[in-house]
Amino acid sequence: MKPNKFSKLTQQSLTLVGQVVLIVIAVSTIFAVLHEILHIWEAGAIAVGDLLMLFLYLEVISMLNHYLGSGNLPVRYPLYIGIIALARFLVLDIQEIDALKMFALSGSILLIAIAILIVRYGHVRFPYNEDN
């Protein structure tokens, strides 16, 4: 099907909206990093939760950078973010978490890690063609 003028205009509009949203995400992430650094500075100490939060922001920035550079988004980046978020939750709330919830969180991290391995294996074993 050959695109008509309306579909081309719609595609360009959606691309522009997507770029604006990416800029908003990038600026918001930078402000969040600065806020986290200010929080660390005011506390006068660095906690493990603070470091994990900075790693979350770093992964978001890496994901945006990769997307802007290549135009595609590997599914691994959100999976990495999920692992870090679950690890942060596990570390910060370890006093209030019962054994079953801790087991479920640990199992979730393990399942995401296995998913990353499967995705990586799929990319190595079945690489994309230039047409895809």
C-alpha atoms as a PDB file:
ATOM      1  CA  MET A   1       0.000   0.000   0.000  1.00  0.00           C
ATOM      2  CA  LYS A   2       1.406   3.338  -1.039  1.00  0.00           C
ATOM      3  CA  PRO A   3       1.185   6.042   1.640  1.00  0.00           C
ATOM      4  CA  ASN A   4      -0.953   9.049   0.746  1.00  0.00           C
ATOM      5  CA  LYS A   5      -0.452  12.668   1.838  1.00  0.00           C
ATOM      6  CA  PHE A   6      -2.609  12.225   4.938  1.00  0.00           C
ATOM      7  CA  SER A   7      -0.680   9.185   6.165  1.00  0.00           C
ATOM      8  CA  LYS A   8       2.655  10.936   5.532  1.00  0.00           C
ATOM      9  CA  LEU A   9       1.477  14.003   7.466  1.00  0.00           C
ATOM     10  CA  THR A  10       0.196  11.817  10.279  1.00  0.00           C
ATOM     11  CA  GLN A  11       3.476   9.928  10.409  1.00  0.00           C
ATOM     12  CA  GLN A  12       5.475  13.169  10.544  1.00  0.00           C
ATOM     13  CA  SER A  13       3.188  14.519  13.277  1.00  0.00           C
ATOM     14  CA  LEU A  14       3.558  11.374  15.349  1.00  0.00           C
ATOM     15  CA  THR A  15       7.330  11.473  14.877  1.00  0.00           C
ATOM     16  CA  LEU A  16       7.374  15.070  16.110  1.00  0.00           C
ATOM     17  CA  VAL A  17       5.215  14.201  19.127  1.00  0.00           C
ATOM     18  CA  GLY A  18       7.515  11.261  19.876  1.00  0.00           C
ATOM     19  CA  GLN A  19      10.583  13.512  19.740  1.00  0.00           C
ATOM     20  CA  VAL A  20       8.941  16.026  22.086  1.00  0.00           C
ATOM     21  CA  VAL A  21       8.071  13.245  24.549  1.00  0.00           C
ATOM     22  CA  LEU A  22      11.670  11.974  24.388  1.00  0.00           C
ATOM     23  CA  ILE A  23      12.924  15.474  25.192  1.00  0.00           C
ATOM     24  CA  VAL A  24      10.497  15.701  28.121  1.00  0.00           C
ATOM     25  CA  ILE A  25      11.687  12.322  29.423  1.00  0.00           C
ATOM     26  CA  ALA A  26      15.346  13.333  29.062  1.00  0.00           C
ATOM     27  CA  VAL A  27      14.886  16.684  30.824  1.00  0.00           C
ATOM     28  CA  SER A  28      12.792  15.068  33.573  1.00  0.00           C
ATOM     29  CA  THR A  29      15.430  12.397  34.118  1.00  0.00           C
ATOM     30  CA  ILE A  30      18.181  15.013  34.345  1.00  0.00           C
ATOM     31  CA  PHE A  31      16.153  16.971  36.914  1.00  0.00           C
ATOM     32  CA  ALA A  32      15.545  13.747  38.861  1.00  0.00           C
ATOM     33  CA  VAL A  33      19.295  13.012  38.893  1.00  0.00           C
ATOM     34  CA  LEU A  34      20.007  16.526  40.129  1.00  0.00           C
ATOM     35  CA  HIS A  35      17.304  16.146  42.796  1.00  0.00           C
ATOM     36  CA  GLU A  36      18.806  12.836  43.929  1.00  0.00           C
ATOM     37  CA  ILE A  37      22.298  14.379  44.112  1.00  0.00           C
ATOM     38  CA  LEU A  38      20.875  17.286  46.135  1.00  0.00           C
ATOM     39  CA  HIS A  39      19.204  14.768  48.466  1.00  0.00           C
ATOM     40  CA  ILE A  40      22.529  12.946  48.945  1.00  0.00           C
ATOM     41  CA  TRP A  41      24.307  16.267  49.542  1.00  0.00           C
ATOM     42  CA  GLU A  42      21.760  17.372  52.159  1.00  0.00           C
ATOM     43  CA  ALA A  43      21.825  13.997  53.909  1.00  0.00           C
ATOM     44  CA  GLY A  44      25.607  14.031  53.990  1.00  0.00           C
ATOM     45  CA  ALA A  45      25.675  10.313  53.298  1.00  0.00           C
ATOM     46  CA  ILE A  46      25.148   7.990  50.388  1.00  0.00           C
ATOM     47  CA  ALA A  47      22.805   5.072  50.943  1.00  0.00           C
ATOM     48  CA  VAL A  48      22.478   1.977  48.786  1.00  0.00           C
ATOM     49  CA  GLY A  49      18.988   3.097  47.784  1.00  0.00           C
ATOM     50  CA  ASP A  50      20.419   6.368  46.491  1.00  0.00           C
ATOM     51  CA  LEU A  51      22.974   4.541  44.375  1.00  0.00           C
ATOM     52  CA  LEU A  52      20.340   2.199  42.958  1.00  0.00           C
ATOM     53  CA  MET A  53      18.144   5.183  42.139  1.00  0.00           C
ATOM     54  CA  LEU A  54      21.033   6.804  40.278  1.00  0.00           C
ATOM     55  CA  PHE A  55      21.540   3.518  38.381  1.00  0.00           C
ATOM     56  CA  LEU A  56      17.851   3.619  37.413  1.00  0.00           C
ATOM     57  CA  TYR A  57      18.277   7.116  36.035  1.00  0.00           C
ATOM     58  CA  LEU A  58      21.463   6.075  34.254  1.00  0.00           C
ATOM     59  CA  GLU A  59      19.617   3.212  32.554  1.00  0.00           C
ATOM     60  CA  VAL A  60      16.841   5.563  31.432  1.00  0.00           C
ATOM     61  CA  ILE A  61      19.415   7.983  29.997  1.00  0.00           C
ATOM     62  CA  SER A  62      21.250   5.089  28.292  1.00  0.00           C
ATOM     63  CA  MET A  63      17.980   3.857  26.829  1.00  0.00           C
ATOM     64  CA  LEU A  64      17.157   7.325  25.471  1.00  0.00           C
ATOM     65  CA  ASN A  65      20.667   7.732  24.079  1.00  0.00           C
ATOM     66  CA  HIS A  66      20.539   4.372  22.325  1.00  0.00           C
ATOM     67  CA  TYR A  67      17.101   5.089  20.887  1.00  0.00           C
ATOM     68  CA  LEU A  68      18.115   8.515  19.599  1.00  0.00           C
ATOM     69  CA  GLY A  69      21.325   7.107  18.116  1.00  0.00           C
ATOM     70  CA  SER A  70      19.923   4.065  16.387  1.00  0.00           C
ATOM     71  CA  GLY A  71      16.188   4.670  16.092  1.00  0.00           C
ATOM     72  CA  ASN A  72      15.321   1.387  17.766  1.00  0.00           C
ATOM     73  CA  LEU A  73      14.935   0.327  21.371  1.00  0.00           C
ATOM     74  CA  PRO A  74      16.273  -3.030  22.519  1.00  0.00           C
ATOM     75  CA  VAL A  75      13.877  -4.775  24.868  1.00  0.00           C
ATOM     76  CA  ARG A  76      16.795  -5.425  27.242  1.00  0.00           C
ATOM     77  CA  TYR A  77      16.921  -1.833  28.541  1.00  0.00           C
ATOM     78  CA  PRO A  78      13.468  -1.864  30.177  1.00  0.00           C
ATOM     79  CA  LEU A  79      14.296  -5.311  31.561  1.00  0.00           C
ATOM     80  CA  TYR A  80      17.471  -3.927  33.148  1.00  0.00           C
ATOM     81  CA  ILE A  81      15.452  -1.074  34.607  1.00  0.00           C
ATOM     82  CA  GLY A  82      12.968  -3.585  36.008  1.00  0.00           C
ATOM     83  CA  ILE A  83      15.713  -5.584  37.708  1.00  0.00           C
ATOM     84  CA  ILE A  84      17.237  -2.474  39.262  1.00  0.00           C
ATOM     85  CA  ALA A  85      13.817  -1.233  40.428  1.00  0.00           C
ATOM     86  CA  LEU A  86      12.986  -4.579  42.030  1.00  0.00           C
ATOM     87  CA  ALA A  87      16.425  -4.766  43.651  1.00  0.00           C
ATOM     88  CA  ARG A  88      16.000  -1.255  45.033  1.00  0.00           C
ATOM     89  CA  PHE A  89      12.581  -2.144  46.438  1.00  0.00           C
ATOM     90  CA  LEU A  90      14.018  -5.319  47.960  1.00  0.00           C
ATOM     91  CA  VAL A  91      16.978  -3.515  49.543  1.00  0.00           C
ATOM     92  CA  LEU A  92      15.025  -0.549  50.898  1.00  0.00           C
ATOM     93  CA  ASP A  93      12.049  -2.409  52.325  1.00  0.00           C
ATOM     94  CA  ILE A  94      13.814  -5.521  53.587  1.00  0.00           C
ATOM     95  CA  GLN A  95      12.673  -4.920  57.211  1.00  0.00           C
ATOM     96  CA  GLU A  96       8.970  -4.844  56.266  1.00  0.00           C
ATOM     97  CA  ILE A  97       8.987  -7.634  53.670  1.00  0.00           C
ATOM     98  CA  ASP A  98       7.808 -11.062  54.750  1.00  0.00           C
ATOM     99  CA  ALA A  99       9.482 -14.221  53.475  1.00  0.00           C
ATOM    100  CA  LEU A 100       6.899 -14.961  50.775  1.00  0.00           C
ATOM    101  CA  LYS A 101       7.099 -11.462  49.303  1.00  0.00           C
ATOM    102  CA  MET A 102      10.913 -11.581  49.390  1.00  0.00           C
ATOM    103  CA  PHE A 103      10.832 -14.921  47.593  1.00  0.00           C
ATOM    104  CA  ALA A 104       8.425 -13.510  44.990  1.00  0.00           C
ATOM    105  CA  LEU A 105      10.628 -10.440  44.387  1.00  0.00           C
ATOM    106  CA  SER A 106      13.752 -12.574  44.104  1.00  0.00           C
ATOM    107  CA  GLY A 107      11.959 -14.924  41.730  1.00  0.00           C
ATOM    108  CA  SER A 108      10.835 -11.953  39.639  1.00  0.00           C
ATOM    109  CA  ILE A 109      14.423 -10.730  39.359  1.00  0.00           C
ATOM    110  CA  LEU A 110      15.515 -14.220  38.344  1.00  0.00           C
ATOM    111  CA  LEU A 111      12.775 -14.476  35.697  1.00  0.00           C
ATOM    112  CA  ILE A 112      13.723 -11.094  34.225  1.00  0.00           C
ATOM    113  CA  ALA A 113      17.394 -12.123  34.174  1.00  0.00           C
ATOM    114  CA  ILE A 114      16.445 -15.336  32.353  1.00  0.00           C
ATOM    115  CA  ALA A 115      14.377 -13.276  29.900  1.00  0.00           C
ATOM    116  CA  ILE A 116      17.428 -11.092  29.217  1.00  0.00           C
ATOM    117  CA  LEU A 117      19.515 -14.195  28.537  1.00  0.00           C
ATOM    118  CA  ILE A 118      16.875 -15.546  26.169  1.00  0.00           C
ATOM    119  CA  VAL A 119      16.645 -12.233  24.318  1.00  0.00           C
ATOM    120  CA  ARG A 120      20.449 -11.998  24.032  1.00  0.00           C
ATOM    121  CA  TYR A 121      20.635 -15.587  22.785  1.00  0.00           C
ATOM    122  CA  GLY A 122      17.930 -14.834  20.229  1.00  0.00           C
ATOM    123  CA  HIS A 123      19.809 -11.779  18.965  1.00  0.00           C
ATOM    124  CA  VAL A 124      23.064 -13.718  18.634  1.00  0.00           C
ATOM    125  CA  ARG A 125      21.512 -16.875  17.187  1.00  0.00           C
ATOM    126  CA  PHE A 126      18.933 -15.174  14.947  1.00  0.00           C
ATOM    127  CA  PRO A 127      20.342 -11.730  14.036  1.00  0.00           C
ATOM    128  CA  TYR A 128      18.161  -9.137  12.350  1.00  0.00           C
ATOM    129  CA  ASN A 129      18.410  -8.564   8.634  1.00  0.00           C
ATOM    130  CA  GLU A 130      18.883  -5.038   7.325  1.00  0.00           C
ATOM    131  CA  ASP A 131      15.278  -5.209   6.053  1.00  0.00           C
ATOM    132  CA  ASN A 132      13.822  -5.641   9.569  1.00  0.00           C
END
